[in-house]
Structure formats: C-alpha cells, structure tokens
Amino acid sequence: MTYIRSMFRLFGLILIFIFSLGIKSQNILFKAKYFKDKKKELKAVVNEIKAGNNALKEKAYFTALDHFFRAHSFNSNNALNNFKIGYCLFHMIGTELDASWDSNHTQANVLQSLEYLERASDLDSFINKNIHSLYYLELSYKNSIEFLMGRCHHLDMEWEKAIDLYE
C-alpha cells in the first residue's frame, strides 16, 4: 500500500513539474477570439499594425515604431509585434525617441532593442519562421532574431553571449 501511495505522490510531482514548464508567457495573437469584448479597439489596433508594416517596408523606422507601440499598449504579449519593435529600435540606435513611448529613454539604445527581442523569443520560440514569412523583410540571417540579439550583445560588449547567438 505504501508503494502505491509513493507512486501516486511521484506521479503528482511529475505532473506539477510538467505543468510548471508550460506556465511561461503565452503569445497572444491580434485575433478576435482573444479579445471578444474589445472588437472595435482590436480593429483599430490591426489597422495600426498594417500601417506599421507599410512603414517598415519603406524603412521608415520611426513611423513604424509609433504604430507598433500603439499596438503594444493594447497587447504586450504578441511575439511578432515585440520583434518588430526590437527590430525598429535596433535600426534606430542613437536616434532621438518620442518621450511618450518611454519616458526613461530619450534615445534608442541596444538594451531597449534587446529587451523587446528577448521578449519576442520568450513568447514564441519559433519566431524566426514568422519573421521570414513577412514579405517586407529580406529573407536573410541578418533578420533572424538570434542575429539581432547577438548584434545587440556585441554592441553592448557582451562577447560570449554574442558568440553563442551568432553560432
């Protein structure tokens, strides 16, 4: 009887461990099924994303960033939007930023870019597949999340982290 009780306890611990692995943040898409009570706001945010995508296609990073931050204020748990913010910030390193986006930072910097890129990677471990399906970004290793994160670590003089991500 104690053997069976021990097996149930072990089984319970294994289940708790497995469920705790799946508790990390979840990638929430900009879809109606996730925002049933905010359909009007969702439609406006989807239009912001489209406008941001068009600006990104034209390499108008400042304009794109403005649209993506509006979408981010509605849903901060979208991996692709976090990637786009990090991507824009990376391409704007050293430029003046709008204070309404981040009152703590007046210039785009490496750590800001890295923060959004890491968040995107945490939300969706297969983010590169989604990145390369974007018709407005060149299909290149330079647009992979690992390369951009590695470049951020490189610019921040964290050589080992950069090398790990480059490989």
Foldseek 3Di string as FASTA:
>chain_A
DVVVVVVVVVVVVVVVVVVVVVPFAAADDLDCVVVVPPVVVSVVLVVLQVQLLVCVLVVVLQSSLVSLLSNCVVPVRHLVSLLSNLVSLLVQAPHAHDCVSPVVDRGRHLVSSLVSLVSSCRNPVPVQVVQCVSPSDDPDPCSGSLQSNLVSCVVVVVNVSNVVSVD
